[in-house]
C-alpha cells in the first residue's frame, strides 16, 4: 500500500525533527508547550506532540491519537490523519522552515 521511499522520507523527517529538538523548543517556545522532552504544537482542532525521550511524534484530536510516526514506524487512523501528519513532518524539516529557524536564531 505505501511506497518504500515514502516510508524512508517519513523516517528521515522524524530523525531530523528529533535531532533538532532543542532548536525547535527555542523557536516554538511562544507558540507551543515546550518541556524537557516534549513539545506540544497547537493546530486546532489538532495537537502535535513531539516526544523526544521515546522518539515519536503523535497527532491528536482531543484525547484521541490519530497518527504516530517514529524512525521505524508510521500509523494513521485514516487518509486525512496521514496527510496532516505528513504535512507537519515536511513543514518542520522544510528548507523554508530552516531559514525561519536561522533568522530567528539571531534574535534569540
N, C-alpha and C. Protein backbone atom coordinates (compact mmCIF):
# COMPACT_ATOMS: atom_id res chain seq x y z
N UNK A 1 0.82 -1.20 0.00
CA UNK A 1 0.00 0.00 0.00
C UNK A 1 0.86 1.26 0.00
N UNK A 2 1.86 1.37 0.89
CA UNK A 2 2.70 2.55 0.95
C UNK A 2 3.99 2.29 0.19
N UNK A 3 4.47 3.32 -0.50
CA UNK A 3 5.72 3.18 -1.23
C UNK A 3 6.88 3.25 -0.26
N UNK A 4 7.95 2.51 -0.57
CA UNK A 4 9.09 2.44 0.34
C UNK A 4 9.79 3.79 0.49
N UNK A 5 9.85 4.61 -0.59
CA UNK A 5 10.51 5.90 -0.44
C UNK A 5 9.68 6.84 0.44
N UNK A 6 8.35 6.64 0.50
CA UNK A 6 7.52 7.41 1.42
C UNK A 6 7.85 7.07 2.86
N UNK A 7 8.08 5.81 3.12
CA UNK A 7 8.46 5.35 4.46
C UNK A 7 9.83 5.93 4.81
N UNK A 8 10.76 5.86 3.85
CA UNK A 8 12.10 6.42 4.07
C UNK A 8 12.03 7.91 4.35
N UNK A 9 11.22 8.62 3.57
CA UNK A 9 11.08 10.07 3.74
C UNK A 9 10.53 10.40 5.12
N UNK A 10 9.52 9.68 5.56
CA UNK A 10 8.96 9.91 6.89
C UNK A 10 10.01 9.65 7.97
N UNK A 11 10.76 8.57 7.82
CA UNK A 11 11.80 8.23 8.78
C UNK A 11 12.85 9.32 8.87
N UNK A 12 13.26 9.83 7.70
CA UNK A 12 14.24 10.93 7.67
C UNK A 12 13.69 12.18 8.35
N UNK A 13 12.43 12.49 8.09
CA UNK A 13 11.81 13.66 8.72
C UNK A 13 11.77 13.51 10.24
N UNK A 14 11.34 12.36 10.72
CA UNK A 14 11.28 12.13 12.17
C UNK A 14 12.66 12.27 12.77
N UNK A 15 13.66 11.69 12.12
CA UNK A 15 15.04 11.78 12.62
C UNK A 15 15.49 13.23 12.70
N UNK A 16 15.24 14.00 11.63
CA UNK A 16 15.64 15.42 11.61
C UNK A 16 14.93 16.20 12.72
N UNK A 17 13.66 15.94 12.89
CA UNK A 17 12.89 16.67 13.92
C UNK A 17 13.42 16.34 15.31
N UNK A 18 13.64 15.06 15.58
CA UNK A 18 14.15 14.68 16.90
C UNK A 18 15.57 15.20 17.12
N UNK A 19 16.39 15.21 16.05
CA UNK A 19 17.76 15.73 16.17
C UNK A 19 17.78 17.24 16.41
N UNK A 20 16.77 17.95 15.92
CA UNK A 20 16.73 19.41 16.11
C UNK A 20 15.78 19.80 17.25
N UNK A 21 15.48 18.88 18.12
CA UNK A 21 14.51 19.07 19.20
C UNK A 21 14.80 20.33 20.03
N UNK A 22 16.04 20.52 20.46
CA UNK A 22 16.38 21.68 21.30
C UNK A 22 16.17 22.99 20.54
N UNK A 23 16.54 23.03 19.27
CA UNK A 23 16.31 24.23 18.47
C UNK A 23 14.82 24.48 18.28
N UNK A 24 14.07 23.44 18.05
CA UNK A 24 12.62 23.59 17.92
C UNK A 24 12.01 24.15 19.19
N UNK A 25 12.47 23.68 20.34
CA UNK A 25 11.95 24.21 21.61
C UNK A 25 12.19 25.71 21.71
N UNK A 26 13.36 26.16 21.32
CA UNK A 26 13.67 27.60 21.38
C UNK A 26 12.77 28.40 20.45
N UNK A 27 12.63 27.90 19.24
CA UNK A 27 11.84 28.61 18.24
C UNK A 27 10.35 28.61 18.58
N UNK A 28 9.86 27.52 19.09
CA UNK A 28 8.42 27.36 19.34
C UNK A 28 7.99 27.74 20.75
N UNK A 29 8.90 28.22 21.57
CA UNK A 29 8.59 28.45 22.98
C UNK A 29 7.40 29.37 23.22
N UNK A 30 7.12 30.30 22.29
CA UNK A 30 5.97 31.19 22.47
C UNK A 30 4.70 30.68 21.80
N UNK A 31 4.84 29.62 21.00
CA UNK A 31 3.69 29.12 20.24
C UNK A 31 3.32 27.69 20.59
N UNK A 32 4.03 27.10 21.53
CA UNK A 32 3.80 25.70 21.88
C UNK A 32 4.14 25.49 23.35
N UNK A 33 3.76 24.35 23.87
CA UNK A 33 4.19 23.96 25.21
C UNK A 33 5.51 23.21 25.02
N UNK A 34 6.57 23.74 25.61
CA UNK A 34 7.90 23.14 25.46
C UNK A 34 8.41 22.72 26.83
N UNK A 35 8.60 21.42 26.97
CA UNK A 35 9.10 20.85 28.22
C UNK A 35 10.42 20.15 27.94
N UNK A 36 11.00 19.52 28.95
CA UNK A 36 12.31 18.88 28.79
C UNK A 36 12.38 17.92 27.62
N UNK A 37 11.41 17.03 27.51
CA UNK A 37 11.47 16.02 26.44
C UNK A 37 10.18 15.95 25.62
N UNK A 38 9.43 17.08 25.61
CA UNK A 38 8.15 17.09 24.91
C UNK A 38 7.83 18.48 24.40
N UNK A 39 7.35 18.54 23.16
CA UNK A 39 6.83 19.78 22.59
C UNK A 39 5.41 19.48 22.13
N UNK A 40 4.47 20.35 22.48
CA UNK A 40 3.08 20.21 22.03
C UNK A 40 2.75 21.44 21.19
N UNK A 41 2.46 21.21 19.92
CA UNK A 41 2.13 22.28 18.98
C UNK A 41 0.63 22.25 18.75
N UNK A 42 0.00 23.43 18.83
CA UNK A 42 -1.45 23.53 18.67
C UNK A 42 -1.79 23.92 17.23
N UNK A 43 -2.61 23.11 16.60
CA UNK A 43 -3.09 23.32 15.24
C UNK A 43 -4.57 22.95 15.26
N UNK A 44 -5.41 23.81 15.92
CA UNK A 44 -6.81 23.44 16.14
C UNK A 44 -7.49 22.91 14.88
N UNK A 45 -8.22 21.83 15.03
CA UNK A 45 -8.61 21.13 16.26
C UNK A 45 -7.59 20.06 16.68
N UNK A 46 -6.39 20.09 16.12
CA UNK A 46 -5.39 19.07 16.39
C UNK A 46 -4.27 19.58 17.29
N UNK A 47 -3.55 18.65 17.87
CA UNK A 47 -2.29 18.96 18.55
C UNK A 47 -1.26 17.96 18.06
N UNK A 48 -0.03 18.43 17.95
CA UNK A 48 1.08 17.59 17.53
C UNK A 48 2.02 17.48 18.72
N UNK A 49 2.33 16.25 19.11
CA UNK A 49 3.20 16.00 20.27
C UNK A 49 4.51 15.42 19.77
N UNK A 50 5.60 16.11 20.04
CA UNK A 50 6.93 15.60 19.71
C UNK A 50 7.53 15.10 21.01
N UNK A 51 7.73 13.80 21.11
CA UNK A 51 8.18 13.17 22.35
C UNK A 51 9.59 12.61 22.16
N UNK A 52 10.58 13.42 22.52
CA UNK A 52 11.97 13.08 22.25
C UNK A 52 12.42 11.82 22.98
N UNK A 53 12.07 11.69 24.25
CA UNK A 53 12.55 10.57 25.06
C UNK A 53 12.20 9.21 24.45
N UNK A 54 10.99 9.09 23.92
CA UNK A 54 10.59 7.81 23.33
C UNK A 54 10.67 7.83 21.80
N UNK A 55 11.08 8.96 21.22
CA UNK A 55 11.35 9.03 19.80
C UNK A 55 10.15 8.92 18.89
N UNK A 56 9.03 9.55 19.29
CA UNK A 56 7.85 9.51 18.43
C UNK A 56 7.21 10.90 18.30
N UNK A 57 6.42 11.03 17.26
CA UNK A 57 5.63 12.22 17.02
C UNK A 57 4.19 11.74 16.85
N UNK A 58 3.27 12.37 17.58
CA UNK A 58 1.88 11.92 17.53
C UNK A 58 0.96 13.08 17.21
N UNK A 59 -0.05 12.80 16.40
CA UNK A 59 -1.09 13.75 16.05
C UNK A 59 -2.34 13.38 16.84
N UNK A 60 -2.88 14.34 17.57
CA UNK A 60 -4.07 14.12 18.39
C UNK A 60 -5.24 14.97 17.91
N UNK A 61 -6.43 14.47 18.14
CA UNK A 61 -7.66 15.26 18.07
C UNK A 61 -8.33 15.03 19.42
N UNK A 62 -8.30 16.04 20.27
CA UNK A 62 -8.74 15.86 21.65
C UNK A 62 -7.80 14.87 22.34
N UNK A 63 -8.37 13.82 22.92
CA UNK A 63 -7.57 12.80 23.59
C UNK A 63 -7.27 11.60 22.69
N UNK A 64 -7.73 11.65 21.45
CA UNK A 64 -7.57 10.51 20.54
C UNK A 64 -6.32 10.67 19.66
N UNK A 65 -5.48 9.65 19.65
CA UNK A 65 -4.30 9.64 18.78
C UNK A 65 -4.75 9.27 17.37
N UNK A 66 -4.48 10.17 16.42
CA UNK A 66 -4.87 9.93 15.03
C UNK A 66 -3.72 9.34 14.21
N UNK A 67 -2.49 9.73 14.55
CA UNK A 67 -1.33 9.24 13.79
C UNK A 67 -0.11 9.24 14.70
N UNK A 68 0.78 8.29 14.44
CA UNK A 68 2.04 8.18 15.18
C UNK A 68 3.16 7.92 14.19
N UNK A 69 4.25 8.68 14.33
CA UNK A 69 5.42 8.49 13.47
C UNK A 69 6.65 8.32 14.34
N UNK A 70 7.48 7.36 13.96
CA UNK A 70 8.78 7.17 14.60
C UNK A 70 9.78 6.89 13.49
N UNK A 71 11.03 6.69 13.86
CA UNK A 71 12.05 6.39 12.85
C UNK A 71 11.73 5.09 12.11
N UNK A 72 11.06 4.16 12.77
CA UNK A 72 10.82 2.83 12.20
C UNK A 72 9.37 2.52 11.88
N UNK A 73 8.45 3.44 12.17
CA UNK A 73 7.04 3.11 12.02
C UNK A 73 6.22 4.35 11.72
N UNK A 74 5.11 4.14 11.02
CA UNK A 74 4.14 5.21 10.77
C UNK A 74 2.77 4.58 10.74
N UNK A 75 1.87 5.10 11.56
CA UNK A 75 0.50 4.61 11.60
C UNK A 75 -0.45 5.80 11.63
N UNK A 76 -1.54 5.69 10.88
CA UNK A 76 -2.56 6.73 10.87
C UNK A 76 -3.93 6.06 10.82
N UNK A 77 -4.91 6.68 11.47
CA UNK A 77 -6.24 6.08 11.53
C UNK A 77 -6.99 6.20 10.21
N UNK A 78 -6.62 7.20 9.40
CA UNK A 78 -7.27 7.37 8.09
C UNK A 78 -6.39 8.25 7.19
N UNK A 79 -6.85 8.45 5.96
CA UNK A 79 -6.07 9.22 4.98
C UNK A 79 -5.88 10.67 5.41
N UNK A 80 -6.92 11.27 6.00
CA UNK A 80 -6.81 12.66 6.43
C UNK A 80 -5.74 12.82 7.51
N UNK A 81 -5.73 11.94 8.49
CA UNK A 81 -4.72 12.00 9.55
C UNK A 81 -3.33 11.79 8.97
N UNK A 82 -3.22 10.89 8.01
CA UNK A 82 -1.93 10.64 7.36
C UNK A 82 -1.43 11.90 6.65
N UNK A 83 -2.32 12.58 5.94
CA UNK A 83 -1.95 13.81 5.22
C UNK A 83 -1.53 14.91 6.18
N UNK A 84 -2.27 15.08 7.26
CA UNK A 84 -1.95 16.13 8.23
C UNK A 84 -0.60 15.85 8.87
N UNK A 85 -0.35 14.61 9.26
CA UNK A 85 0.94 14.25 9.86
C UNK A 85 2.07 14.47 8.87
N UNK A 86 1.88 14.06 7.64
CA UNK A 86 2.92 14.25 6.62
C UNK A 86 3.20 15.73 6.40
N UNK A 87 2.15 16.56 6.41
CA UNK A 87 2.35 18.00 6.25
C UNK A 87 3.20 18.55 7.39
N UNK A 88 2.94 18.11 8.62
CA UNK A 88 3.72 18.56 9.75
C UNK A 88 5.17 18.08 9.66
N UNK A 89 5.36 16.83 9.28
CA UNK A 89 6.72 16.31 9.15
C UNK A 89 7.50 17.11 8.11
N UNK A 90 6.87 17.39 6.99
CA UNK A 90 7.53 18.18 5.95
C UNK A 90 7.76 19.62 6.38
N UNK A 91 6.77 20.22 7.04
CA UNK A 91 6.90 21.61 7.47
C UNK A 91 8.04 21.79 8.47
N UNK A 92 8.15 20.88 9.41
CA UNK A 92 9.17 21.01 10.45
C UNK A 92 10.58 20.70 9.95
N UNK A 93 10.70 20.17 8.73
CA UNK A 93 12.01 19.85 8.17
C UNK A 93 12.27 20.58 6.85
N UNK A 94 11.37 21.46 6.44
CA UNK A 94 11.49 22.12 5.13
C UNK A 94 12.59 23.17 5.12
N UNK A 95 13.07 23.47 3.92
CA UNK A 95 14.10 24.49 3.74
C UNK A 95 13.58 25.84 4.24
N UNK A 96 12.34 26.18 3.90
CA UNK A 96 11.76 27.45 4.35
C UNK A 96 11.69 27.54 5.86
N UNK A 97 11.36 26.44 6.51
CA UNK A 97 11.29 26.43 7.96
C UNK A 97 12.69 26.58 8.54
N UNK A 98 13.68 25.93 7.91
CA UNK A 98 15.06 26.06 8.38
C UNK A 98 15.53 27.50 8.26
N UNK A 99 15.15 28.18 7.16
CA UNK A 99 15.51 29.60 7.01
C UNK A 99 14.89 30.41 8.15
N UNK A 100 13.65 30.10 8.46
CA UNK A 100 12.97 30.77 9.56
C UNK A 100 13.75 30.54 10.86
N UNK A 101 14.18 29.30 11.07
CA UNK A 101 14.94 28.96 12.28
C UNK A 101 16.24 29.76 12.34
N UNK A 102 16.94 29.86 11.22
CA UNK A 102 18.21 30.58 11.19
C UNK A 102 17.98 32.06 11.46
N UNK A 103 16.97 32.65 10.83
CA UNK A 103 16.66 34.06 11.07
C UNK A 103 16.32 34.30 12.54
N UNK A 104 15.51 33.43 13.09
CA UNK A 104 15.07 33.57 14.48
C UNK A 104 16.23 33.35 15.44
N UNK A 105 17.19 32.50 15.09
CA UNK A 105 18.33 32.20 15.97
C UNK A 105 19.06 33.48 16.31
N UNK A 106 19.23 34.36 15.33
CA UNK A 106 19.92 35.62 15.57
C UNK A 106 19.21 36.50 16.58
N UNK A 107 17.91 36.34 16.72
CA UNK A 107 17.16 37.17 17.66
C UNK A 107 16.87 36.49 18.98
N UNK A 108 17.35 35.25 19.14
CA UNK A 108 17.09 34.51 20.39
C UNK A 108 18.13 34.87 21.42
